[in-house]
C-alpha atoms as a PDB file:
ATOM      1  CA  MET A   1      69.635  40.489  88.154  1.00  0.00           C
ATOM      2  CA  PRO A   2      72.738  42.130  86.608  1.00  0.00           C
ATOM      3  CA  SER A   3      74.619  40.213  83.923  1.00  0.00           C
ATOM      4  CA  SER A   4      78.329  39.534  84.257  1.00  0.00           C
ATOM      5  CA  THR A   5      80.713  40.896  81.642  1.00  0.00           C
ATOM      6  CA  PHE A   6      84.082  39.899  83.069  1.00  0.00           C
ATOM      7  CA  GLN A   7      86.919  38.587  80.934  1.00  0.00           C
ATOM      8  CA  SER A   8      90.203  37.098  82.029  1.00  0.00           C
ATOM      9  CA  PHE A   9      93.251  36.048  80.038  1.00  0.00           C
ATOM     10  CA  SER A  10      96.378  34.447  81.406  1.00  0.00           C
ATOM     11  CA  THR A  11      99.435  32.976  79.800  1.00  0.00           C
ATOM     12  CA  SER A  12     102.460  31.197  81.166  1.00  0.00           C
ATOM     13  CA  SER A  13     105.444  29.524  79.622  1.00  0.00           C
ATOM     14  CA  SER A  14     108.602  27.838  80.748  1.00  0.00           C
ATOM     15  CA  SER A  15     111.578  26.116  79.244  1.00  0.00           C
ATOM     16  CA  THR A  16     114.228  23.937  80.786  1.00  0.00           C
ATOM     17  CA  THR A  17     117.582  23.116  79.231  1.00  0.00           C
ATOM     18  CA  ILE A  18     119.556  20.148  80.499  1.00  0.00           C
ATOM     19  CA  ASN A  19     122.738  19.078  78.723  1.00  0.00           C
ATOM     20  CA  GLY A  20     121.797  21.223  75.736  1.00  0.00           C
ATOM     21  CA  GLN A  21     118.328  19.638  75.401  1.00  0.00           C
ATOM     22  CA  THR A  22     115.429  22.086  75.837  1.00  0.00           C
ATOM     23  CA  THR A  23     111.902  21.192  76.907  1.00  0.00           C
ATOM     24  CA  SER A  24     109.274  23.910  76.696  1.00  0.00           C
ATOM     25  CA  LYS A  25     105.711  24.257  77.978  1.00  0.00           C
ATOM     26  CA  SER A  26     103.074  26.955  77.662  1.00  0.00           C
ATOM     27  CA  GLU A  27      99.467  27.500  78.679  1.00  0.00           C
ATOM     28  CA  HIS A  28      96.977  30.139  77.555  1.00  0.00           C
ATOM     29  CA  THR A  29      93.650  30.513  79.344  1.00  0.00           C
ATOM     30  CA  PHE A  30      90.740  32.776  78.416  1.00  0.00           C
ATOM     31  CA  THR A  31      87.646  33.028  80.607  1.00  0.00           C
ATOM     32  CA  ASP A  32      84.448  34.996  80.087  1.00  0.00           C
ATOM     33  CA  PRO A  33      80.824  34.547  81.207  1.00  0.00           C
ATOM     34  CA  SER A  34      80.304  31.759  78.635  1.00  0.00           C
ATOM     35  CA  GLY A  35      83.138  29.597  79.987  1.00  0.00           C
ATOM     36  CA  THR A  36      86.858  28.938  79.743  1.00  0.00           C
ATOM     37  CA  ARG A  37      89.149  27.991  76.869  1.00  0.00           C
ATOM     38  CA  VAL A  38      92.580  26.506  77.498  1.00  0.00           C
ATOM     39  CA  GLU A  39      95.446  25.700  75.127  1.00  0.00           C
ATOM     40  CA  ARG A  40      98.514  23.863  76.411  1.00  0.00           C
ATOM     41  CA  THR A  41     101.648  23.199  74.386  1.00  0.00           C
ATOM     42  CA  HIS A  42     104.506  20.874  75.298  1.00  0.00           C
ATOM     43  CA  GLN A  43     107.643  20.272  73.250  1.00  0.00           C
ATOM     44  CA  ALA A  44     110.334  17.791  74.242  1.00  0.00           C
ATOM     45  CA  PRO A  45     113.794  17.750  72.627  1.00  0.00           C
ATOM     46  CA  GLY A  46     113.695  16.468  69.062  1.00  0.00           C
ATOM     47  CA  GLU A  47     109.897  16.161  69.011  1.00  0.00           C
ATOM     48  CA  ALA A  48     107.136  18.115  67.349  1.00  0.00           C
ATOM     49  CA  PRO A  49     105.041  20.289  69.680  1.00  0.00           C
ATOM     50  CA  ARG A  50     101.986  18.600  71.204  1.00  0.00           C
ATOM     51  CA  VAL A  51      98.981  20.873  71.598  1.00  0.00           C
ATOM     52  CA  GLU A  52      96.012  20.187  73.870  1.00  0.00           C
ATOM     53  CA  ARG A  53      92.888  22.343  73.671  1.00  0.00           C
ATOM     54  CA  PHE A  54      89.745  22.146  75.738  1.00  0.00           C
ATOM     55  CA  GLU A  55      86.797  24.294  76.646  1.00  0.00           C
ATOM     56  CA  THR A  56      84.341  24.356  79.527  1.00  0.00           C
ATOM     57  CA  ASP A  57      80.977  26.064  79.718  1.00  0.00           C
ATOM     58  CA  ALA A  58      79.928  28.517  82.444  1.00  0.00           C
ATOM     59  CA  THR A  59      79.013  25.624  84.776  1.00  0.00           C
ATOM     60  CA  GLY A  60      82.431  23.974  84.393  1.00  0.00           C
ATOM     61  CA  ARG A  61      81.330  21.109  82.125  1.00  0.00           C
ATOM     62  CA  GLN A  62      83.881  20.224  79.453  1.00  0.00           C
ATOM     63  CA  LEU A  63      82.632  20.870  75.923  1.00  0.00           C
ATOM     64  CA  GLU A  64      83.545  18.850  72.856  1.00  0.00           C
ATOM     65  CA  ASP A  65      84.629  21.025  69.956  1.00  0.00           C
ATOM     66  CA  HIS A  66      83.886  18.872  66.923  1.00  0.00           C
ATOM     67  CA  ARG A  67      86.067  21.082  64.721  1.00  0.00           C
ATOM     68  CA  HIS A  68      89.120  20.072  66.762  1.00  0.00           C
ATOM     69  CA  ALA A  69      88.112  16.591  67.943  1.00  0.00           C
ATOM     70  CA  ASP A  70      90.881  14.883  65.958  1.00  0.00           C
ATOM     71  CA  ALA A  71      93.386  17.620  66.748  1.00  0.00           C
ATOM     72  CA  LYS A  72      93.207  16.781  70.449  1.00  0.00           C
ATOM     73  CA  ARG A  73      94.166  13.168  69.845  1.00  0.00           C
ATOM     74  CA  ILE A  74      97.882  12.483  70.084  1.00  0.00           C
ATOM     75  CA  GLN A  75      98.813   9.769  67.638  1.00  0.00           C
ATOM     76  CA  ASP A  76     102.157   8.184  66.871  1.00  0.00           C
ATOM     77  CA  VAL A  77     102.258   7.719  63.116  1.00  0.00           C
ATOM     78  CA  THR A  78     105.791   6.335  63.016  1.00  0.00           C
ATOM     79  CA  GLU A  79     104.576   2.742  62.750  1.00  0.00           C
ATOM     80  CA  GLU A  80     102.099   3.651  59.999  1.00  0.00           C
ATOM     81  CA  GLU A  81     104.815   5.421  58.013  1.00  0.00           C
ATOM     82  CA  ASP A  82     107.169   2.455  58.475  1.00  0.00           C
ATOM     83  CA  ALA A  83     104.458   0.064  57.284  1.00  0.00           C
ATOM     84  CA  ARG A  84     103.783   2.194  54.183  1.00  0.00           C
ATOM     85  CA  THR A  85     107.508   2.366  53.406  1.00  0.00           C
ATOM     86  CA  LYS A  86     107.853  -1.414  53.756  1.00  0.00           C
ATOM     87  CA  GLU A  87     104.765  -1.964  51.623  1.00  0.00           C
ATOM     88  CA  ARG A  88     106.132   0.270  48.839  1.00  0.00           C
ATOM     89  CA  ALA A  89     109.502  -1.527  48.943  1.00  0.00           C
ATOM     90  CA  TYR A  90     107.738  -4.902  48.745  1.00  0.00           C
ATOM     91  CA  GLU A  91     105.646  -3.770  45.762  1.00  0.00           C
ATOM     92  CA  GLU A  92     108.777  -2.550  43.977  1.00  0.00           C
ATOM     93  CA  ARG A  93     110.556  -5.866  44.600  1.00  0.00           C
ATOM     94  CA  MET A  94     107.540  -7.779  43.285  1.00  0.00           C
ATOM     95  CA  GLN A  95     107.384  -5.608  40.171  1.00  0.00           C
ATOM     96  CA  ASP A  96     111.097  -6.202  39.594  1.00  0.00           C
ATOM     97  CA  GLU A  97     110.603  -9.947  40.059  1.00  0.00           C
ATOM     98  CA  TYR A  98     107.685 -10.044  37.593  1.00  0.00           C
ATOM     99  CA  ALA A  99     109.707  -7.986  35.101  1.00  0.00           C
ATOM    100  CA  LYS A 100     112.596 -10.498  35.351  1.00  0.00           C
ATOM    101  CA  ARG A 101     110.245 -13.431  34.794  1.00  0.00           C
ATOM    102  CA  GLU A 102     108.515 -11.802  31.846  1.00  0.00           C
ATOM    103  CA  GLY A 103     111.831 -10.815  30.293  1.00  0.00           C
ATOM    104  CA  GLY A 104     113.301 -14.288  30.761  1.00  0.00           C
ATOM    105  CA  ALA A 105     110.293 -16.227  29.408  1.00  0.00           C
END
């Protein structure tokens, strides 16, 4: 039985501007006898690009790439950053308060 040696690569991208706000999308797909790898990027106005990557084997089953497992997860860290900022401000206020008490005693 002959072995297959095909390879295919496709890429597409688009951007839309409405009222001066641009949204862009792109997709890159590479297929060979071992399977398919896809990378999709989406960027909305004022946001960082979001990248999604996935891979399937030759039978079409999705594979988990442990090197990029966390990279595929989209996480909003705004609340975590706000909590850290509030925590630092609280600690500074407490240090100031202790310093006042120690200086006044």
